[in-house]
């Protein structure tokens, strides 16, 4: 570290530019926020890091997976030093190096339809949930549980099979279109009695590559590249921050 930076009180300097933008009241509101990020892959990693850098005070990070080499092309938290490590542990260490004042709770557990409600209940009160889960039954269970607990949610939809640059759309669940993951999520939530009230971030155009099933009719891993997951994840973080700041900035 350059000697000129030694001894700086991290919090005052870390968020000084943010304070100029949103004011002391806005920064204070973000500092009081408790946000759960479920899934720390290509999308969720970007979302979580953006929240840390924005000044969100408490993050609950939920992911059971470990980093592997195939993550390096698109997951901002993955590098050669974190391969084989629990994603939540690597994230907690990285975020402490960025903003030591941020309180990070690393939870190396998998969200399932069976445990989603108890996980949400464990971490209440929450100001927001960012869903960055690919597993559809788990995704639906988490969103349904959080919604029924009165927690505002933003759900990240598919970022794979795309390489052409496009701006993500932000809309209510009921207004999503063009995204297969959004379509099945919408249908399954409607079966649970939830037709709207969840903010979604999604690409509304067709995929650039159509995944082809194998001889058994099953699709393998979907191709991906670095920037679409970041576009979705950063947008989701921005939507969450905007929601929090709407309480103090008119």
Protein backbone atom coordinates (compact mmCIF):
# COMPACT_ATOMS: atom_id res chain seq x y z
CA UNK A 1 0.00 0.00 0.00
CA UNK A 2 1.20 3.50 -0.81
CA UNK A 3 2.34 5.19 2.45
CA UNK A 4 0.03 8.17 1.82
CA UNK A 5 -2.99 5.91 2.40
CA UNK A 6 -1.86 4.42 5.70
CA UNK A 7 -4.02 5.32 8.65
CA UNK A 8 -7.03 6.56 6.70
CA UNK A 9 -10.29 5.78 8.52
CA UNK A 10 -11.80 3.51 5.90
CA UNK A 11 -15.44 4.50 6.24
CA UNK A 12 -15.08 8.30 5.91
CA UNK A 13 -12.89 8.09 2.84
CA UNK A 14 -14.44 4.99 1.30
CA UNK A 15 -17.85 6.59 0.93
CA UNK A 16 -16.91 10.26 0.57
CA UNK A 17 -17.90 10.40 -3.12
CA UNK A 18 -21.14 8.56 -2.38
CA UNK A 19 -21.94 11.14 0.31
CA UNK A 20 -21.49 13.93 -2.22
CA UNK A 21 -24.02 12.20 -4.47
CA UNK A 22 -26.77 11.13 -2.06
CA UNK A 23 -26.05 13.24 1.01
CA UNK A 24 -25.55 12.25 4.65
CA UNK A 25 -29.16 11.08 5.03
CA UNK A 26 -28.88 8.80 2.02
CA UNK A 27 -25.60 7.33 3.19
CA UNK A 28 -27.00 6.83 6.68
CA UNK A 29 -30.00 5.00 5.24
CA UNK A 30 -27.79 2.65 3.27
CA UNK A 31 -25.68 2.08 6.35
CA UNK A 32 -28.75 0.88 8.28
CA UNK A 33 -29.92 -1.45 5.52
CA UNK A 34 -29.98 -5.23 5.81
CA UNK A 35 -29.94 -6.96 2.43
CA UNK A 36 -29.85 -10.67 1.67
CA UNK A 37 -28.15 -11.73 -1.56
CA UNK A 38 -28.97 -15.30 -2.52
CA UNK A 39 -26.51 -16.75 -5.04
CA UNK A 40 -22.96 -15.46 -5.54
CA UNK A 41 -22.35 -16.57 -9.11
CA UNK A 42 -21.91 -14.36 -12.14
CA UNK A 43 -24.95 -12.22 -11.33
CA UNK A 44 -25.04 -12.27 -7.54
CA UNK A 45 -21.34 -11.57 -7.12
CA UNK A 46 -21.62 -8.32 -9.03
CA UNK A 47 -24.77 -7.36 -7.14
CA UNK A 48 -23.23 -8.03 -3.72
CA UNK A 49 -20.03 -6.14 -4.46
CA UNK A 50 -21.97 -3.15 -5.78
CA UNK A 51 -23.96 -3.03 -2.54
CA UNK A 52 -20.77 -3.07 -0.46
CA UNK A 53 -19.23 -0.27 -2.49
CA UNK A 54 -22.47 1.73 -2.26
CA UNK A 55 -22.37 1.62 1.54
CA UNK A 56 -25.03 -0.95 2.48
CA UNK A 57 -24.36 -1.68 6.13
CA UNK A 58 -25.27 -5.35 6.48
CA UNK A 59 -25.16 -8.07 3.86
CA UNK A 60 -26.28 -11.64 4.33
CA UNK A 61 -24.61 -13.77 1.64
CA UNK A 62 -26.23 -17.10 0.90
CA UNK A 63 -24.54 -19.70 -1.32
CA UNK A 64 -23.31 -23.26 -0.78
CA UNK A 65 -21.03 -23.55 -3.82
CA UNK A 66 -17.28 -23.34 -4.17
CA UNK A 67 -15.39 -21.57 -6.93
CA UNK A 68 -14.19 -23.71 -9.81
CA UNK A 69 -12.20 -22.91 -12.98
CA UNK A 70 -15.29 -22.55 -15.19
CA UNK A 71 -16.36 -19.59 -13.03
CA UNK A 72 -13.36 -17.47 -13.99
CA UNK A 73 -14.85 -16.18 -17.25
CA UNK A 74 -17.78 -14.32 -15.66
CA UNK A 75 -17.79 -14.31 -11.83
CA UNK A 76 -16.21 -11.19 -10.39
CA UNK A 77 -15.43 -12.88 -7.06
CA UNK A 78 -13.55 -15.75 -8.72
CA UNK A 79 -9.81 -15.67 -9.32
CA UNK A 80 -6.95 -18.16 -9.19
CA UNK A 81 -6.56 -17.67 -5.45
CA UNK A 82 -10.19 -18.48 -4.61
CA UNK A 83 -10.59 -21.71 -6.61
CA UNK A 84 -11.95 -24.44 -4.35
CA UNK A 85 -13.01 -21.94 -1.68
CA UNK A 86 -16.57 -21.42 -0.47
CA UNK A 87 -17.99 -18.50 -2.40
CA UNK A 88 -19.40 -16.84 0.71
CA UNK A 89 -16.05 -17.00 2.51
CA UNK A 90 -14.14 -15.54 -0.43
CA UNK A 91 -16.74 -12.80 -0.74
CA UNK A 92 -16.60 -11.93 2.96
CA UNK A 93 -12.83 -11.60 2.83
CA UNK A 94 -12.92 -9.47 -0.32
CA UNK A 95 -15.64 -7.20 1.03
CA UNK A 96 -13.78 -6.68 4.32
CA UNK A 97 -10.81 -5.46 2.29
CA UNK A 98 -13.08 -3.00 0.44
CA UNK A 99 -15.22 -1.68 3.29
CA UNK A 100 -14.30 -2.94 6.77
CA UNK A 101 -17.35 -1.24 8.29
CA UNK A 102 -19.73 -3.44 6.29
CA UNK A 103 -21.15 -6.30 8.34
CA UNK A 104 -21.12 -9.49 6.29
CA UNK A 105 -22.79 -12.71 7.35
CA UNK A 106 -21.54 -15.57 5.19
CA UNK A 107 -23.99 -18.47 5.06
CA UNK A 108 -22.74 -21.53 3.18
CA UNK A 109 -26.15 -23.13 2.73
CA UNK A 110 -28.20 -24.06 -0.31
CA UNK A 111 -31.66 -22.61 -0.75
CA UNK A 112 -34.22 -25.34 -1.34
CA UNK A 113 -38.01 -25.40 -1.54
CA UNK A 114 -37.99 -27.05 1.88
CA UNK A 115 -35.80 -24.54 3.75
CA UNK A 116 -36.53 -21.22 1.99
CA UNK A 117 -39.12 -20.04 4.50
CA UNK A 118 -36.95 -20.85 7.51
CA UNK A 119 -33.94 -19.13 5.93
CA UNK A 120 -35.89 -15.95 5.36
CA UNK A 121 -37.28 -16.07 8.89
CA UNK A 122 -33.79 -16.56 10.32
CA UNK A 123 -32.50 -13.29 8.89
CA UNK A 124 -35.45 -11.00 9.51
CA UNK A 125 -35.74 -8.06 9.64
CA UNK A 126 -34.62 -7.49 6.06
CA UNK A 127 -34.93 -4.41 3.89
CA UNK A 128 -34.49 -6.31 0.65
CA UNK A 129 -33.73 -9.67 -0.92
CA UNK A 130 -31.77 -9.93 -4.15
CA UNK A 131 -32.47 -13.29 -5.75
CA UNK A 132 -29.65 -14.44 -8.04
CA UNK A 133 -30.48 -18.16 -7.99
CA UNK A 134 -30.62 -20.27 -11.15
CA UNK A 135 -32.42 -23.29 -9.65
CA UNK A 136 -36.06 -22.54 -10.44
CA UNK A 137 -37.85 -24.36 -7.57
CA UNK A 138 -35.46 -22.79 -5.06
CA UNK A 139 -35.80 -19.38 -6.70
CA UNK A 140 -39.59 -19.53 -6.56
CA UNK A 141 -39.60 -20.75 -2.96
CA UNK A 142 -37.27 -17.95 -1.84
CA UNK A 143 -39.29 -15.25 -3.61
CA UNK A 144 -42.58 -16.61 -2.28
CA UNK A 145 -41.24 -16.87 1.28
CA UNK A 146 -39.78 -13.36 1.28
CA UNK A 147 -42.91 -11.86 -0.27
CA UNK A 148 -45.16 -13.53 2.29
CA UNK A 149 -42.86 -12.21 5.04
CA UNK A 150 -43.37 -8.69 3.68
CA UNK A 151 -39.82 -8.29 2.35
CA UNK A 152 -39.31 -6.41 -0.90
CA UNK A 153 -37.53 -8.53 -3.55
CA UNK A 154 -35.66 -8.02 -6.79
CA UNK A 155 -35.26 -11.15 -8.88
CA UNK A 156 -32.46 -11.58 -11.42
CA UNK A 157 -33.39 -13.51 -14.53
CA UNK A 158 -31.30 -15.31 -17.16
CA UNK A 159 -27.94 -13.96 -18.34
CA UNK A 160 -26.65 -17.04 -20.19
CA UNK A 161 -26.62 -17.78 -23.91
CA UNK A 162 -26.00 -14.10 -24.68
CA UNK A 163 -23.01 -12.20 -26.03
CA UNK A 164 -24.58 -9.24 -27.83
CA UNK A 165 -24.82 -6.15 -25.65
CA UNK A 166 -28.32 -5.18 -24.54
CA UNK A 167 -29.68 -3.10 -21.70
CA UNK A 168 -31.53 -5.08 -19.02
CA UNK A 169 -35.17 -4.27 -18.45
CA UNK A 170 -36.60 -3.57 -14.99
CA UNK A 171 -40.28 -4.37 -14.50
CA UNK A 172 -42.77 -6.00 -12.20
CA UNK A 173 -43.02 -9.77 -12.41
CA UNK A 174 -46.35 -9.45 -14.21
CA UNK A 175 -44.75 -7.36 -16.96
CA UNK A 176 -41.75 -9.59 -17.78
CA UNK A 177 -41.42 -10.92 -21.30
CA UNK A 178 -38.93 -12.58 -23.60
CA UNK A 179 -36.98 -14.42 -20.89
CA UNK A 180 -37.60 -18.17 -20.44
CA UNK A 181 -36.49 -18.09 -16.79
CA UNK A 182 -38.85 -15.20 -16.07
CA UNK A 183 -41.69 -17.04 -17.78
CA UNK A 184 -41.40 -20.21 -15.73
CA UNK A 185 -40.79 -18.23 -12.52
CA UNK A 186 -43.88 -16.13 -13.20
CA UNK A 187 -46.00 -19.23 -13.81
CA UNK A 188 -44.82 -21.05 -10.69
CA UNK A 189 -45.31 -18.00 -8.49
CA UNK A 190 -48.79 -17.51 -9.89
CA UNK A 191 -49.55 -21.07 -8.82
CA UNK A 192 -48.60 -19.96 -5.30
CA UNK A 193 -50.96 -17.00 -5.48
CA UNK A 194 -48.30 -14.37 -6.31
CA UNK A 195 -48.91 -12.64 -9.64
CA UNK A 196 -47.15 -9.33 -9.06
CA UNK A 197 -45.22 -7.26 -6.52
CA UNK A 198 -41.72 -8.62 -7.30
CA UNK A 199 -39.30 -6.43 -9.24
CA UNK A 200 -37.42 -8.31 -11.97
CA UNK A 201 -34.29 -7.56 -13.97
CA UNK A 202 -34.22 -9.36 -17.29
CA UNK A 203 -33.25 -9.32 -20.94
CA UNK A 204 -36.38 -9.18 -23.08
CA UNK A 205 -34.83 -10.16 -26.41
CA UNK A 206 -34.18 -13.67 -27.72
CA UNK A 207 -31.02 -15.47 -26.66
CA UNK A 208 -28.05 -15.21 -29.02
CA UNK A 209 -27.42 -18.96 -28.89
CA UNK A 210 -30.18 -21.54 -28.59
CA UNK A 211 -29.10 -24.30 -26.18
CA UNK A 212 -29.41 -27.69 -27.85
CA UNK A 213 -30.45 -30.80 -25.92
CA UNK A 214 -28.28 -33.87 -25.93
CA UNK A 215 -29.33 -37.34 -27.13
CA UNK A 216 -31.32 -37.82 -23.93
CA UNK A 217 -33.24 -34.60 -24.42
CA UNK A 218 -31.40 -32.79 -21.62
CA UNK A 219 -29.58 -29.47 -21.94
CA UNK A 220 -26.09 -29.22 -20.53
CA UNK A 221 -24.40 -26.07 -19.23
CA UNK A 222 -25.42 -22.88 -21.03
CA UNK A 223 -22.69 -20.82 -22.67
CA UNK A 224 -21.80 -17.54 -21.01
CA UNK A 225 -19.41 -14.60 -21.21
CA UNK A 226 -18.27 -11.92 -18.80
CA UNK A 227 -20.56 -8.93 -19.26
CA UNK A 228 -24.26 -10.04 -19.37
CA UNK A 229 -24.19 -11.34 -15.76
CA UNK A 230 -22.60 -8.07 -14.67
CA UNK A 231 -25.26 -6.04 -16.44
CA UNK A 232 -28.02 -7.95 -14.66
CA UNK A 233 -26.33 -8.00 -11.24
CA UNK A 234 -25.30 -4.35 -11.21
CA UNK A 235 -28.76 -3.29 -12.33
CA UNK A 236 -30.34 -5.34 -9.54
CA UNK A 237 -28.06 -3.70 -6.97
CA UNK A 238 -28.95 -0.29 -8.36
CA UNK A 239 -32.67 -1.03 -8.14
CA UNK A 240 -32.24 -2.08 -4.51
CA UNK A 241 -30.24 1.04 -3.64
CA UNK A 242 -32.81 3.25 -5.36
CA UNK A 243 -35.57 1.58 -3.36
CA UNK A 244 -33.73 2.20 -0.08
CA UNK A 245 -32.94 5.82 -0.94
CA UNK A 246 -36.54 6.53 -1.92
CA UNK A 247 -37.31 6.61 1.80
CA UNK A 248 -35.08 9.66 2.37
CA UNK A 249 -34.54 11.29 -1.06
CA UNK A 250 -37.53 12.66 -2.93
